[in-house]
Amino acid sequence: MIELGLDTFGDVTNDAQGRPLPMDQVLRNVVEEAVLADQAGIDFIGLGEHHRPDFAVSAPEIVLATIAGRTSRIRLGTAVTVLSTNDPIRVFQQFSTLNALSNGRAEIIVGRGSFTESYPLFGHSLEDYDVLFEEKLDILAKLVREPTLTWSGQIRPPLTNQIVYPPLDAKGLTTWVGVGGSPESVVRVVRQDLQLMLAIIGGDPRRFAPYIDLYHRACTQLDRPIRPIGIHSPGFVAATDEEAIEAQWPHYQTMFGRIGRERGWPPTTKEAYLNEVKHGSLYVGSPETVARKIAATVRDLKVQRFDMKYSTGPMPHSQLLTCLELYGQKVIPMVRELLA
C-alpha cells in the first residue's frame, strides 16, 4: 500500500500582520503541525536540516524527539540530514535513540543538502564534497546493518570491531538516501543497499522514470534486493483549486525569489508557477485535484511512498494546519481509493 507523508524545513512563517515569527515560535508550531498530522492519519513527517535565516530547523533530531513524546503512530524522520557535514556515528546514535524512544517509528533520510552553509559552519571544505558524502554514507550504511563497525578511509582514523550504542533492535532502522537526479547517486544507493528517495521539485515528474529504471537495473546487476522507492515534492491543499493557488503564490514567489537572487536565477513569474501547478511537480489545489495528481504520479513512476513538502516560504501557520487536515482526512483516502 502506498505510504503518504509530509515534509517541512520549518520555514520561517509570518504572523497575522505579515511579520516573520521568531524561530522559537516556528519550532513550537512545527511540533503542533506534527501532532495534528499524527491525529489526521498521515504516515510520516520529515524535518529538513538547514542553517539559514529562512528555515528554523537546524537540529531535526531534537524536534523529532519532542514530537515522539506527543504522538503515537506517525513515523518520524529527516528530509534531509546533511550527512556530509555530520558525524555519521553521531547521526546513528541520535536515530537509534529516537527509534527506541518512539517504539520503532524513526527513519533517516540522508543527503548532501541543497545548500552549502553547513560546510564552513562545521569546518568542512567544498573541495571534499564527494569524498565526505561517499565515506560517511559508507559508515552509516554499515552501522544500520551490522552490530560492529570495522572501517577505514580518508576522512577519519580507522575503526575496528567498534560497537556503537545504543544498538538497534531486530527490526533495524529504515534509511533512505535523498537524490536530486544524478545516475551516479542512484547507483550509490543500490551499492549501499539503502532506500531511494527522489527529490522532484520541478518539471514533469515522469522525467524521473529513467532513474527508477536505472535503480531496478542496478539492483539486478549488483545483486541487491529491490526496496521501496519514495518521492518528495512540494504542494499545498485548500478547499478549492483557486483558494490553494492564490494562498500559496505570494509565499512561493517570496521563497523562490530569495533563492533565485542567491543563485543568479531570473525572478519567478505567476505564469511559470501556474504551469508548474498544472503540468509539473507542484501538488497544489483542492483535495480531489491533489489526490488525482499524486495518484497519477505514483502510478506512472511505480513508487511506494509520496511525501509532500507542505510549507512554502512564510505561509502562515494557520493555513498550514488547514492543509494538514485536508491532506490527512481527504487527500490520503482519495489517493488510496484511486490506486486500489
C-alpha atoms as a PDB file:
ATOM      1  CA  MET A   1       0.000   0.000   0.000  1.00  0.00           C
ATOM      2  CA  ILE A   2       1.217   3.491  -0.809  1.00  0.00           C
ATOM      3  CA  GLU A   3       2.633   5.461   2.118  1.00  0.00           C
ATOM      4  CA  LEU A   4       1.774   9.166   2.233  1.00  0.00           C
ATOM      5  CA  GLY A   5       3.828  11.559   4.293  1.00  0.00           C
ATOM      6  CA  LEU A   6       4.764  15.200   4.779  1.00  0.00           C
ATOM      7  CA  ASP A   7       7.983  17.211   4.869  1.00  0.00           C
ATOM      8  CA  THR A   8       8.846  20.633   6.236  1.00  0.00           C
ATOM      9  CA  PHE A   9      12.023  22.648   6.661  1.00  0.00           C
ATOM     10  CA  GLY A  10      10.444  24.740   9.396  1.00  0.00           C
ATOM     11  CA  ASP A  11      10.127  27.689   7.016  1.00  0.00           C
ATOM     12  CA  VAL A  12      10.041  30.949   8.994  1.00  0.00           C
ATOM     13  CA  THR A  13       6.379  31.892   8.756  1.00  0.00           C
ATOM     14  CA  ASN A  14       4.575  35.217   9.070  1.00  0.00           C
ATOM     15  CA  ASP A  15       2.152  36.291  11.775  1.00  0.00           C
ATOM     16  CA  ALA A  16      -1.276  37.817  11.085  1.00  0.00           C
ATOM     17  CA  GLN A  17       0.343  41.202  10.388  1.00  0.00           C
ATOM     18  CA  GLY A  18       2.767  39.718   7.851  1.00  0.00           C
ATOM     19  CA  ARG A  19       5.802  39.910  10.158  1.00  0.00           C
ATOM     20  CA  PRO A  20       8.229  36.963  10.471  1.00  0.00           C
ATOM     21  CA  LEU A  21       7.706  34.913  13.604  1.00  0.00           C
ATOM     22  CA  PRO A  22      10.716  34.311  15.867  1.00  0.00           C
ATOM     23  CA  MET A  23      12.336  30.934  15.243  1.00  0.00           C
ATOM     24  CA  ASP A  24      11.456  29.575  18.697  1.00  0.00           C
ATOM     25  CA  GLN A  25       7.763  30.021  17.906  1.00  0.00           C
ATOM     26  CA  VAL A  26       8.210  28.476  14.459  1.00  0.00           C
ATOM     27  CA  LEU A  27       9.750  25.387  16.080  1.00  0.00           C
ATOM     28  CA  ARG A  28       6.854  25.074  18.524  1.00  0.00           C
ATOM     29  CA  ASN A  29       4.463  25.422  15.592  1.00  0.00           C
ATOM     30  CA  VAL A  30       6.247  22.607  13.725  1.00  0.00           C
ATOM     31  CA  VAL A  31       5.622  20.355  16.727  1.00  0.00           C
ATOM     32  CA  GLU A  32       1.928  21.305  16.705  1.00  0.00           C
ATOM     33  CA  GLU A  33       1.747  20.575  12.984  1.00  0.00           C
ATOM     34  CA  ALA A  34       3.253  17.129  13.545  1.00  0.00           C
ATOM     35  CA  VAL A  35       0.782  16.377  16.342  1.00  0.00           C
ATOM     36  CA  LEU A  36      -2.088  17.290  14.018  1.00  0.00           C
ATOM     37  CA  ALA A  37      -0.562  15.137  11.256  1.00  0.00           C
ATOM     38  CA  ASP A  38      -0.484  12.182  13.661  1.00  0.00           C
ATOM     39  CA  GLN A  39      -4.137  12.726  14.551  1.00  0.00           C
ATOM     40  CA  ALA A  40      -5.100  13.090  10.862  1.00  0.00           C
ATOM     41  CA  GLY A  41      -3.710   9.668   9.928  1.00  0.00           C
ATOM     42  CA  ILE A  42      -0.663  10.827   7.946  1.00  0.00           C
ATOM     43  CA  ASP A  43       2.038   8.136   7.711  1.00  0.00           C
ATOM     44  CA  PHE A  44       5.260  10.133   8.103  1.00  0.00           C
ATOM     45  CA  ILE A  45       6.660  13.566   8.849  1.00  0.00           C
ATOM     46  CA  GLY A  46      10.172  14.602   7.816  1.00  0.00           C
ATOM     47  CA  LEU A  47      12.074  17.661   9.039  1.00  0.00           C
ATOM     48  CA  GLY A  48      14.832  19.059   6.840  1.00  0.00           C
ATOM     49  CA  GLU A  49      18.134  20.269   8.299  1.00  0.00           C
ATOM     50  CA  HIS A  50      19.212  23.780   7.277  1.00  0.00           C
ATOM     51  CA  HIS A  51      21.470  26.505   8.650  1.00  0.00           C
ATOM     52  CA  ARG A  52      19.894  29.620   7.127  1.00  0.00           C
ATOM     53  CA  PRO A  53      17.777  32.561   8.322  1.00  0.00           C
ATOM     54  CA  ASP A  54      14.710  31.389   6.366  1.00  0.00           C
ATOM     55  CA  PHE A  55      14.457  27.883   7.940  1.00  0.00           C
ATOM     56  CA  ALA A  56      14.183  27.243  11.691  1.00  0.00           C
ATOM     57  CA  VAL A  57      15.094  23.549  11.827  1.00  0.00           C
ATOM     58  CA  SER A  58      18.842  23.095  12.276  1.00  0.00           C
ATOM     59  CA  ALA A  59      18.651  20.187  14.755  1.00  0.00           C
ATOM     60  CA  PRO A  60      15.822  17.992  13.436  1.00  0.00           C
ATOM     61  CA  GLU A  61      16.594  15.122  15.820  1.00  0.00           C
ATOM     62  CA  ILE A  62      15.736  17.316  18.834  1.00  0.00           C
ATOM     63  CA  VAL A  63      12.449  18.442  17.297  1.00  0.00           C
ATOM     64  CA  LEU A  64      11.607  14.857  16.316  1.00  0.00           C
ATOM     65  CA  ALA A  65      12.242  13.663  19.873  1.00  0.00           C
ATOM     66  CA  THR A  66       9.779  16.275  21.127  1.00  0.00           C
ATOM     67  CA  ILE A  67       7.251  15.138  18.529  1.00  0.00           C
ATOM     68  CA  ALA A  68       7.792  11.496  19.506  1.00  0.00           C
ATOM     69  CA  GLY A  69       6.677  12.276  23.051  1.00  0.00           C
ATOM     70  CA  ARG A  70       3.421  13.822  21.838  1.00  0.00           C
ATOM     71  CA  THR A  71       2.426  11.352  19.109  1.00  0.00           C
ATOM     72  CA  SER A  72       1.663   7.643  18.932  1.00  0.00           C
ATOM     73  CA  ARG A  73       1.672   6.383  15.357  1.00  0.00           C
ATOM     74  CA  ILE A  74       3.237   8.759  12.806  1.00  0.00           C
ATOM     75  CA  ARG A  75       6.745   7.809  11.658  1.00  0.00           C
ATOM     76  CA  LEU A  76       9.469  10.375  12.260  1.00  0.00           C
ATOM     77  CA  GLY A  77      12.437  11.264  10.093  1.00  0.00           C
ATOM     78  CA  THR A  78      14.539  13.873   8.378  1.00  0.00           C
ATOM     79  CA  ALA A  79      14.223  15.464   4.959  1.00  0.00           C
ATOM     80  CA  VAL A  80      17.208  15.522   4.841  1.00  0.00           C
ATOM     81  CA  THR A  81      20.047  15.081   7.336  1.00  0.00           C
ATOM     82  CA  VAL A  82      23.060  16.737   5.680  1.00  0.00           C
ATOM     83  CA  LEU A  83      25.350  13.760   6.179  1.00  0.00           C
ATOM     84  CA  SER A  84      28.395  15.336   4.529  1.00  0.00           C
ATOM     85  CA  THR A  85      28.830  17.788   7.421  1.00  0.00           C
ATOM     86  CA  ASN A  86      27.595  15.493  10.210  1.00  0.00           C
ATOM     87  CA  ASP A  87      29.391  12.738  12.086  1.00  0.00           C
ATOM     88  CA  PRO A  88      27.749   9.525  10.795  1.00  0.00           C
ATOM     89  CA  ILE A  89      28.332   7.708  14.084  1.00  0.00           C
ATOM     90  CA  ARG A  90      26.605  10.504  15.984  1.00  0.00           C
ATOM     91  CA  VAL A  91      23.764  10.501  13.441  1.00  0.00           C
ATOM     92  CA  PHE A  92      23.332   6.774  14.022  1.00  0.00           C
ATOM     93  CA  GLN A  93      23.281   7.245  17.809  1.00  0.00           C
ATOM     94  CA  GLN A  94      20.703  10.018  17.589  1.00  0.00           C
ATOM     95  CA  PHE A  95      18.389   7.940  15.434  1.00  0.00           C
ATOM     96  CA  SER A  96      18.862   4.654  17.264  1.00  0.00           C
ATOM     97  CA  THR A  97      17.911   6.604  20.416  1.00  0.00           C
ATOM     98  CA  LEU A  98      14.918   8.221  18.689  1.00  0.00           C
ATOM     99  CA  ASN A  99      13.894   4.810  17.367  1.00  0.00           C
ATOM    100  CA  ALA A 100      13.944   3.349  20.881  1.00  0.00           C
ATOM    101  CA  LEU A 101      12.020   6.242  22.431  1.00  0.00           C
ATOM    102  CA  SER A 102       9.367   6.232  19.695  1.00  0.00           C
ATOM    103  CA  ASN A 103       8.839   2.452  19.698  1.00  0.00           C
ATOM    104  CA  GLY A 104      10.404   1.912  16.290  1.00  0.00           C
ATOM    105  CA  ARG A 105       8.975   4.932  14.438  1.00  0.00           C
ATOM    106  CA  ALA A 106      12.268   6.583  13.400  1.00  0.00           C
ATOM    107  CA  GLU A 107      13.622   6.808   9.851  1.00  0.00           C
ATOM    108  CA  ILE A 108      16.646   8.601   8.404  1.00  0.00           C
ATOM    109  CA  ILE A 109      16.717  10.370   5.051  1.00  0.00           C
ATOM    110  CA  VAL A 110      20.290  11.484   4.415  1.00  0.00           C
ATOM    111  CA  GLY A 111      21.671  13.573   1.575  1.00  0.00           C
ATOM    112  CA  ARG A 112      24.134  16.235   0.542  1.00  0.00           C
ATOM    113  CA  GLY A 113      21.568  19.008   1.033  1.00  0.00           C
ATOM    114  CA  SER A 114      20.573  21.696  -1.455  1.00  0.00           C
ATOM    115  CA  PHE A 115      22.533  24.482   0.329  1.00  0.00           C
ATOM    116  CA  THR A 116      26.163  24.707   1.390  1.00  0.00           C
ATOM    117  CA  GLU A 117      26.067  26.828   4.569  1.00  0.00           C
ATOM    118  CA  SER A 118      26.880  23.826   6.766  1.00  0.00           C
ATOM    119  CA  TYR A 119      30.314  23.311   5.161  1.00  0.00           C
ATOM    120  CA  PRO A 120      32.050  26.437   6.530  1.00  0.00           C
ATOM    121  CA  LEU A 121      29.906  26.343   9.681  1.00  0.00           C
ATOM    122  CA  PHE A 122      31.264  22.931  10.697  1.00  0.00           C
ATOM    123  CA  GLY A 123      34.758  23.397   9.287  1.00  0.00           C
ATOM    124  CA  HIS A 124      34.486  21.400   6.062  1.00  0.00           C
ATOM    125  CA  SER A 125      35.721  22.290   2.589  1.00  0.00           C
ATOM    126  CA  LEU A 126      33.555  22.099  -0.516  1.00  0.00           C
ATOM    127  CA  GLU A 127      36.612  20.654  -2.234  1.00  0.00           C
ATOM    128  CA  ASP A 128      35.882  17.484  -0.225  1.00  0.00           C
ATOM    129  CA  TYR A 129      32.211  17.429  -1.301  1.00  0.00           C
ATOM    130  CA  ASP A 130      32.315  13.967  -2.902  1.00  0.00           C
ATOM    131  CA  VAL A 131      34.598  12.098  -0.522  1.00  0.00           C
ATOM    132  CA  LEU A 132      32.797  13.409   2.571  1.00  0.00           C
ATOM    133  CA  PHE A 133      29.447  12.076   1.446  1.00  0.00           C
ATOM    134  CA  GLU A 134      30.759   8.833  -0.056  1.00  0.00           C
ATOM    135  CA  GLU A 135      32.700   7.788   3.024  1.00  0.00           C
ATOM    136  CA  LYS A 136      30.205   8.992   5.630  1.00  0.00           C
ATOM    137  CA  LEU A 137      27.392   7.180   3.829  1.00  0.00           C
ATOM    138  CA  ASP A 138      29.537   4.036   3.831  1.00  0.00           C
ATOM    139  CA  ILE A 139      29.977   4.306   7.611  1.00  0.00           C
ATOM    140  CA  LEU A 140      26.272   4.896   8.232  1.00  0.00           C
ATOM    141  CA  ALA A 141      25.213   2.058   5.916  1.00  0.00           C
ATOM    142  CA  LYS A 142      27.446  -0.361   7.832  1.00  0.00           C
ATOM    143  CA  LEU A 143      26.119   0.839  11.195  1.00  0.00           C
ATOM    144  CA  VAL A 144      22.458   0.255  10.296  1.00  0.00           C
ATOM    145  CA  ARG A 145      23.223  -3.288   9.083  1.00  0.00           C
ATOM    146  CA  GLU A 146      25.971  -4.677  11.315  1.00  0.00           C
ATOM    147  CA  PRO A 147      26.402  -4.976  15.127  1.00  0.00           C
ATOM    148  CA  THR A 148      30.072  -3.926  14.971  1.00  0.00           C
ATOM    149  CA  LEU A 149      31.847  -1.418  12.764  1.00  0.00           C
ATOM    150  CA  THR A 150      35.142  -2.036  11.006  1.00  0.00           C
ATOM    151  CA  TRP A 151      36.015   0.727   8.555  1.00  0.00           C
ATOM    152  CA  SER A 152      38.907   2.666   7.072  1.00  0.00           C
ATOM    153  CA  GLY A 153      39.070   5.612   4.682  1.00  0.00           C
ATOM    154  CA  GLN A 154      40.350   9.167   4.212  1.00  0.00           C
ATOM    155  CA  ILE A 155      38.112  11.289   6.436  1.00  0.00           C
ATOM    156  CA  ARG A 156      38.903   9.857   9.878  1.00  0.00           C
ATOM    157  CA  PRO A 157      41.071   7.272  11.663  1.00  0.00           C
ATOM    158  CA  PRO A 158      40.064   3.627  11.073  1.00  0.00           C
ATOM    159  CA  LEU A 159      37.687   1.706  13.337  1.00  0.00           C
ATOM    160  CA  THR A 160      37.975  -1.977  14.220  1.00  0.00           C
ATOM    161  CA  ASN A 161      35.126  -4.044  15.702  1.00  0.00           C
ATOM    162  CA  GLN A 162      33.643  -0.891  17.219  1.00  0.00           C
ATOM    163  CA  ILE A 163      30.274  -1.263  18.935  1.00  0.00           C
ATOM    164  CA  VAL A 164      28.110   1.871  18.830  1.00  0.00           C
ATOM    165  CA  TYR A 165      25.445   2.402  21.475  1.00  0.00           C
ATOM    166  CA  PRO A 166      22.508   2.177  21.745  1.00  0.00           C
ATOM    167  CA  PRO A 167      22.232  -0.717  19.279  1.00  0.00           C
ATOM    168  CA  LEU A 168      19.207  -1.210  17.059  1.00  0.00           C
ATOM    169  CA  ASP A 169      16.620  -3.862  17.763  1.00  0.00           C
ATOM    170  CA  ALA A 170      15.944  -6.725  15.358  1.00  0.00           C
ATOM    171  CA  LYS A 171      13.724  -4.543  13.131  1.00  0.00           C
ATOM    172  CA  GLY A 172      16.611  -2.204  12.331  1.00  0.00           C
ATOM    173  CA  LEU A 173      16.281   1.363  11.076  1.00  0.00           C
ATOM    174  CA  THR A 174      14.807   2.388   7.727  1.00  0.00           C
ATOM    175  CA  THR A 175      17.409   4.513   5.958  1.00  0.00           C
ATOM    176  CA  TRP A 176      16.789   6.484   2.766  1.00  0.00           C
ATOM    177  CA  VAL A 177      19.150   8.499   0.590  1.00  0.00           C
ATOM    178  CA  GLY A 178      17.763  11.695  -0.921  1.00  0.00           C
ATOM    179  CA  VAL A 179      18.746  12.003  -4.583  1.00  0.00           C
ATOM    180  CA  GLY A 180      18.269  15.063  -6.778  1.00  0.00           C
ATOM    181  CA  GLY A 181      18.665  13.361 -10.131  1.00  0.00           C
ATOM    182  CA  SER A 182      22.148  12.071 -10.974  1.00  0.00           C
ATOM    183  CA  PRO A 183      22.665   8.489 -12.217  1.00  0.00           C
ATOM    184  CA  GLU A 184      25.752   8.114 -10.021  1.00  0.00           C
ATOM    185  CA  SER A 185      23.693   8.901  -6.921  1.00  0.00           C
ATOM    186  CA  VAL A 186      21.091   6.277  -7.826  1.00  0.00           C
ATOM    187  CA  VAL A 187      23.747   3.591  -8.264  1.00  0.00           C
ATOM    188  CA  ARG A 188      25.362   4.609  -4.952  1.00  0.00           C
ATOM    189  CA  VAL A 189      22.061   3.967  -3.156  1.00  0.00           C
ATOM    190  CA  VAL A 190      21.872   0.482  -4.667  1.00  0.00           C
ATOM    191  CA  ARG A 191      25.504  -0.278  -3.897  1.00  0.00           C
ATOM    192  CA  GLN A 192      24.917   0.586  -0.228  1.00  0.00           C
ATOM    193  CA  ASP A 193      21.608  -1.360  -0.170  1.00  0.00           C
ATOM    194  CA  LEU A 194      19.607   1.610   1.124  1.00  0.00           C
ATOM    195  CA  GLN A 195      16.287   3.113   0.008  1.00  0.00           C
ATOM    196  CA  LEU A 196      15.950   5.705  -2.770  1.00  0.00           C
ATOM    197  CA  MET A 197      14.103   8.996  -2.129  1.00  0.00           C
ATOM    198  CA  LEU A 198      13.871  11.181  -5.235  1.00  0.00           C
ATOM    199  CA  ALA A 199      13.537  14.945  -4.704  1.00  0.00           C
ATOM    200  CA  ILE A 200      11.272  16.031  -7.572  1.00  0.00           C
ATOM    201  CA  ILE A 201      10.769  19.762  -7.110  1.00  0.00           C
ATOM    202  CA  GLY A 202      10.100  20.938 -10.655  1.00  0.00           C
ATOM    203  CA  GLY A 203       9.060  19.808 -14.110  1.00  0.00           C
ATOM    204  CA  ASP A 204       7.041  16.785 -15.199  1.00  0.00           C
ATOM    205  CA  PRO A 205       7.632  14.075 -12.571  1.00  0.00           C
ATOM    206  CA  ARG A 206       7.638  11.410 -15.291  1.00  0.00           C
ATOM    207  CA  ARG A 207      11.043  12.673 -16.412  1.00  0.00           C
ATOM    208  CA  PHE A 208      12.415  10.762 -13.389  1.00  0.00           C
ATOM    209  CA  ALA A 209      11.233   7.418 -14.774  1.00  0.00           C
ATOM    210  CA  PRO A 210      14.710   6.665 -16.249  1.00  0.00           C
ATOM    211  CA  TYR A 211      16.236   6.972 -12.770  1.00  0.00           C
ATOM    212  CA  ILE A 212      13.754   4.440 -11.408  1.00  0.00           C
ATOM    213  CA  ASP A 213      14.519   2.119 -14.334  1.00  0.00           C
ATOM    214  CA  LEU A 214      18.236   2.568 -13.572  1.00  0.00           C
ATOM    215  CA  TYR A 215      17.592   1.672  -9.928  1.00  0.00           C
ATOM    216  CA  HIS A 216      15.961  -1.619 -10.915  1.00  0.00           C
ATOM    217  CA  ARG A 217      18.713  -2.462 -13.416  1.00  0.00           C
ATOM    218  CA  ALA A 218      21.398  -1.700 -10.840  1.00  0.00           C
ATOM    219  CA  CYS A 219      19.672  -3.919  -8.257  1.00  0.00           C
ATOM    220  CA  THR A 220      19.809  -6.788 -10.742  1.00  0.00           C
ATOM    221  CA  GLN A 221      23.418  -6.165 -11.772  1.00  0.00           C
ATOM    222  CA  LEU A 222      24.700  -5.695  -8.201  1.00  0.00           C
ATOM    223  CA  ASP A 223      22.523  -8.491  -6.782  1.00  0.00           C
ATOM    224  CA  ARG A 224      20.724  -6.204  -4.328  1.00  0.00           C
ATOM    225  CA  PRO A 225      17.109  -6.564  -3.172  1.00  0.00           C
ATOM    226  CA  ILE A 226      14.586  -4.131  -4.635  1.00  0.00           C
ATOM    227  CA  ARG A 227      13.484  -1.818  -1.832  1.00  0.00           C
ATOM    228  CA  PRO A 228      10.675   0.777  -1.663  1.00  0.00           C
ATOM    229  CA  ILE A 229      11.213   3.981  -3.652  1.00  0.00           C
ATOM    230  CA  GLY A 230       9.859   7.330  -2.482  1.00  0.00           C
ATOM    231  CA  ILE A 231       9.475  10.806  -3.929  1.00  0.00           C
ATOM    232  CA  HIS A 232       9.377  14.237  -2.281  1.00  0.00           C
ATOM    233  CA  SER A 233       7.593  17.187  -3.937  1.00  0.00           C
ATOM    234  CA  PRO A 234       6.098  20.494  -2.776  1.00  0.00           C
ATOM    235  CA  GLY A 235       2.376  21.110  -2.520  1.00  0.00           C
ATOM    236  CA  PHE A 236      -0.495  22.752  -0.674  1.00  0.00           C
ATOM    237  CA  VAL A 237      -4.144  21.811  -0.139  1.00  0.00           C
ATOM    238  CA  ALA A 238      -7.114  24.135   0.408  1.00  0.00           C
ATOM    239  CA  ALA A 239     -10.862  23.831  -0.039  1.00  0.00           C
ATOM    240  CA  THR A 240     -10.780  24.786  -3.746  1.00  0.00           C
ATOM    241  CA  ASP A 241      -8.185  24.942  -6.509  1.00  0.00           C
ATOM    242  CA  GLU A 242      -8.390  28.727  -6.704  1.00  0.00           C
ATOM    243  CA  GLU A 243      -8.025  29.167  -2.945  1.00  0.00           C
ATOM    244  CA  ALA A 244      -4.971  26.897  -2.802  1.00  0.00           C
ATOM    245  CA  ILE A 245      -3.269  28.515  -5.804  1.00  0.00           C
ATOM    246  CA  GLU A 246      -3.834  32.073  -4.614  1.00  0.00           C
ATOM    247  CA  ALA A 247      -2.883  31.280  -0.994  1.00  0.00           C
ATOM    248  CA  GLN A 248       0.441  29.730  -1.925  1.00  0.00           C
ATOM    249  CA  TRP A 249       1.531  32.010  -4.769  1.00  0.00           C
ATOM    250  CA  PRO A 250       2.866  35.056  -2.809  1.00  0.00           C
ATOM    251  CA  HIS A 251       4.855  32.800  -0.459  1.00  0.00           C
ATOM    252  CA  TYR A 252       6.165  30.697  -3.339  1.00  0.00           C
ATOM    253  CA  GLN A 253       7.205  33.917  -5.083  1.00  0.00           C
ATOM    254  CA  THR A 254       8.967  35.153  -1.934  1.00  0.00           C
ATOM    255  CA  MET A 255      10.862  31.912  -1.349  1.00  0.00           C
ATOM    256  CA  PHE A 256      11.971  31.289  -4.915  1.00  0.00           C
ATOM    257  CA  GLY A 257      12.764  34.973  -5.392  1.00  0.00           C
ATOM    258  CA  ARG A 258      15.129  34.890  -2.426  1.00  0.00           C
ATOM    259  CA  ILE A 259      16.827  31.645  -3.510  1.00  0.00           C
ATOM    260  CA  GLY A 260      16.927  32.830  -7.101  1.00  0.00           C
ATOM    261  CA  ARG A 261      18.775  36.022  -6.169  1.00  0.00           C
ATOM    262  CA  GLU A 262      21.385  33.920  -4.364  1.00  0.00           C
ATOM    263  CA  ARG A 263      21.865  31.634  -7.354  1.00  0.00           C
ATOM    264  CA  GLY A 264      21.507  34.092 -10.203  1.00  0.00           C
ATOM    265  CA  TRP A 265      18.145  32.822 -11.447  1.00  0.00           C
ATOM    266  CA  PRO A 266      15.611  35.147 -13.091  1.00  0.00           C
ATOM    267  CA  PRO A 267      12.581  36.113 -10.980  1.00  0.00           C
ATOM    268  CA  THR A 268       9.792  33.527 -10.984  1.00  0.00           C
ATOM    269  CA  THR A 269       6.502  34.545 -12.626  1.00  0.00           C
ATOM    270  CA  LYS A 270       2.872  33.750 -11.918  1.00  0.00           C
ATOM    271  CA  GLU A 271       2.675  32.122 -15.356  1.00  0.00           C
ATOM    272  CA  ALA A 272       5.583  29.784 -14.551  1.00  0.00           C
ATOM    273  CA  TYR A 273       4.011  28.976 -11.173  1.00  0.00           C
ATOM    274  CA  LEU A 274       0.648  28.120 -12.742  1.00  0.00           C
ATOM    275  CA  ASN A 275       2.352  25.975 -15.358  1.00  0.00           C
ATOM    276  CA  GLU A 276       4.160  24.066 -12.608  1.00  0.00           C
ATOM    277  CA  VAL A 277       0.848  23.540 -10.794  1.00  0.00           C
ATOM    278  CA  LYS A 278      -0.852  22.279 -13.948  1.00  0.00           C
ATOM    279  CA  HIS A 279       1.907  20.267 -15.602  1.00  0.00           C
ATOM    280  CA  GLY A 280       4.819  19.998 -13.175  1.00  0.00           C
ATOM    281  CA  SER A 281       5.643  18.910  -9.639  1.00  0.00           C
ATOM    282  CA  LEU A 282       3.599  21.365  -7.572  1.00  0.00           C
ATOM    283  CA  TYR A 283       0.725  19.471  -5.931  1.00  0.00           C
ATOM    284  CA  VAL A 284      -1.493  22.479  -5.272  1.00  0.00           C
ATOM    285  CA  GLY A 285      -5.277  22.537  -5.285  1.00  0.00           C
ATOM    286  CA  SER A 286      -8.413  21.089  -3.746  1.00  0.00           C
ATOM    287  CA  PRO A 287      -8.256  17.652  -2.076  1.00  0.00           C
ATOM    288  CA  GLU A 288      -9.602  15.972  -5.216  1.00  0.00           C
ATOM    289  CA  THR A 289      -7.165  17.764  -7.531  1.00  0.00           C
ATOM    290  CA  VAL A 290      -4.162  16.972  -5.344  1.00  0.00           C
ATOM    291  CA  ALA A 291      -5.249  13.369  -4.795  1.00  0.00           C
ATOM    292  CA  ARG A 292      -5.643  12.747  -8.522  1.00  0.00           C
ATOM    293  CA  LYS A 293      -2.245  14.267  -9.266  1.00  0.00           C
ATOM    294  CA  ILE A 294      -0.496  12.241  -6.536  1.00  0.00           C
ATOM    295  CA  ALA A 295      -2.196   9.033  -7.668  1.00  0.00           C
ATOM    296  CA  ALA A 296      -1.166   9.650 -11.283  1.00  0.00           C
ATOM    297  CA  THR A 297       2.465  10.249 -10.275  1.00  0.00           C
ATOM    298  CA  VAL A 298       2.565   7.163  -8.045  1.00  0.00           C
ATOM    299  CA  ARG A 299       1.035   5.066 -10.820  1.00  0.00           C
ATOM    300  CA  ASP A 300       3.327   6.423 -13.555  1.00  0.00           C
ATOM    301  CA  LEU A 301       6.538   6.086 -11.538  1.00  0.00           C
ATOM    302  CA  LYS A 302       5.525   2.941  -9.627  1.00  0.00           C
ATOM    303  CA  VAL A 303       6.762   4.279  -6.292  1.00  0.00           C
ATOM    304  CA  GLN A 304       5.746   3.187  -2.810  1.00  0.00           C
ATOM    305  CA  ARG A 305       5.975   6.484  -0.922  1.00  0.00           C
ATOM    306  CA  PHE A 306       4.971  10.093  -1.583  1.00  0.00           C
ATOM    307  CA  ASP A 307       5.985  12.908   0.792  1.00  0.00           C
ATOM    308  CA  MET A 308       4.567  16.392   0.222  1.00  0.00           C
ATOM    309  CA  LYS A 309       6.535  19.421   1.417  1.00  0.00           C
ATOM    310  CA  TYR A 310       3.602  21.374   2.776  1.00  0.00           C
ATOM    311  CA  SER A 311       5.431  24.520   3.962  1.00  0.00           C
ATOM    312  CA  THR A 312       6.458  27.119   1.393  1.00  0.00           C
ATOM    313  CA  GLY A 313       8.194  30.302   2.467  1.00  0.00           C
ATOM    314  CA  PRO A 314       6.421  32.488   5.027  1.00  0.00           C
ATOM    315  CA  MET A 315       2.945  30.918   4.623  1.00  0.00           C
ATOM    316  CA  PRO A 316       1.114  31.354   7.976  1.00  0.00           C
ATOM    317  CA  HIS A 317       0.850  28.511  10.481  1.00  0.00           C
ATOM    318  CA  SER A 318      -2.976  28.613  10.398  1.00  0.00           C
ATOM    319  CA  GLN A 319      -3.008  27.883   6.656  1.00  0.00           C
ATOM    320  CA  LEU A 320      -0.536  25.034   7.130  1.00  0.00           C
ATOM    321  CA  LEU A 321      -2.802  23.443   9.757  1.00  0.00           C
ATOM    322  CA  THR A 322      -5.760  23.563   7.371  1.00  0.00           C
ATOM    323  CA  CYS A 323      -3.607  21.981   4.661  1.00  0.00           C
ATOM    324  CA  LEU A 324      -2.575  19.142   7.005  1.00  0.00           C
ATOM    325  CA  GLU A 325      -6.164  18.401   7.989  1.00  0.00           C
ATOM    326  CA  LEU A 326      -7.300  18.210   4.369  1.00  0.00           C
ATOM    327  CA  TYR A 327      -4.292  16.114   3.360  1.00  0.00           C
ATOM    328  CA  GLY A 328      -4.873  13.568   6.105  1.00  0.00           C
ATOM    329  CA  GLN A 329      -8.646  13.439   6.136  1.00  0.00           C
ATOM    330  CA  LYS A 330      -9.423  13.818   2.421  1.00  0.00           C
ATOM    331  CA  VAL A 331      -6.393  13.534   0.136  1.00  0.00           C
ATOM    332  CA  ILE A 332      -4.949  10.319   1.580  1.00  0.00           C
ATOM    333  CA  PRO A 333      -8.214   8.326   1.469  1.00  0.00           C
ATOM    334  CA  MET A 334      -8.838   9.526  -2.115  1.00  0.00           C
ATOM    335  CA  VAL A 335      -5.348   8.531  -3.258  1.00  0.00           C
ATOM    336  CA  ARG A 336      -5.715   5.058  -1.798  1.00  0.00           C
ATOM    337  CA  GLU A 337      -9.132   4.660  -3.389  1.00  0.00           C
ATOM    338  CA  LEU A 338      -7.829   5.784  -6.786  1.00  0.00           C
ATOM    339  CA  LEU A 339      -4.914   3.337  -6.584  1.00  0.00           C
ATOM    340  CA  ALA A 340      -6.932   0.417  -5.224  1.00  0.00           C
END
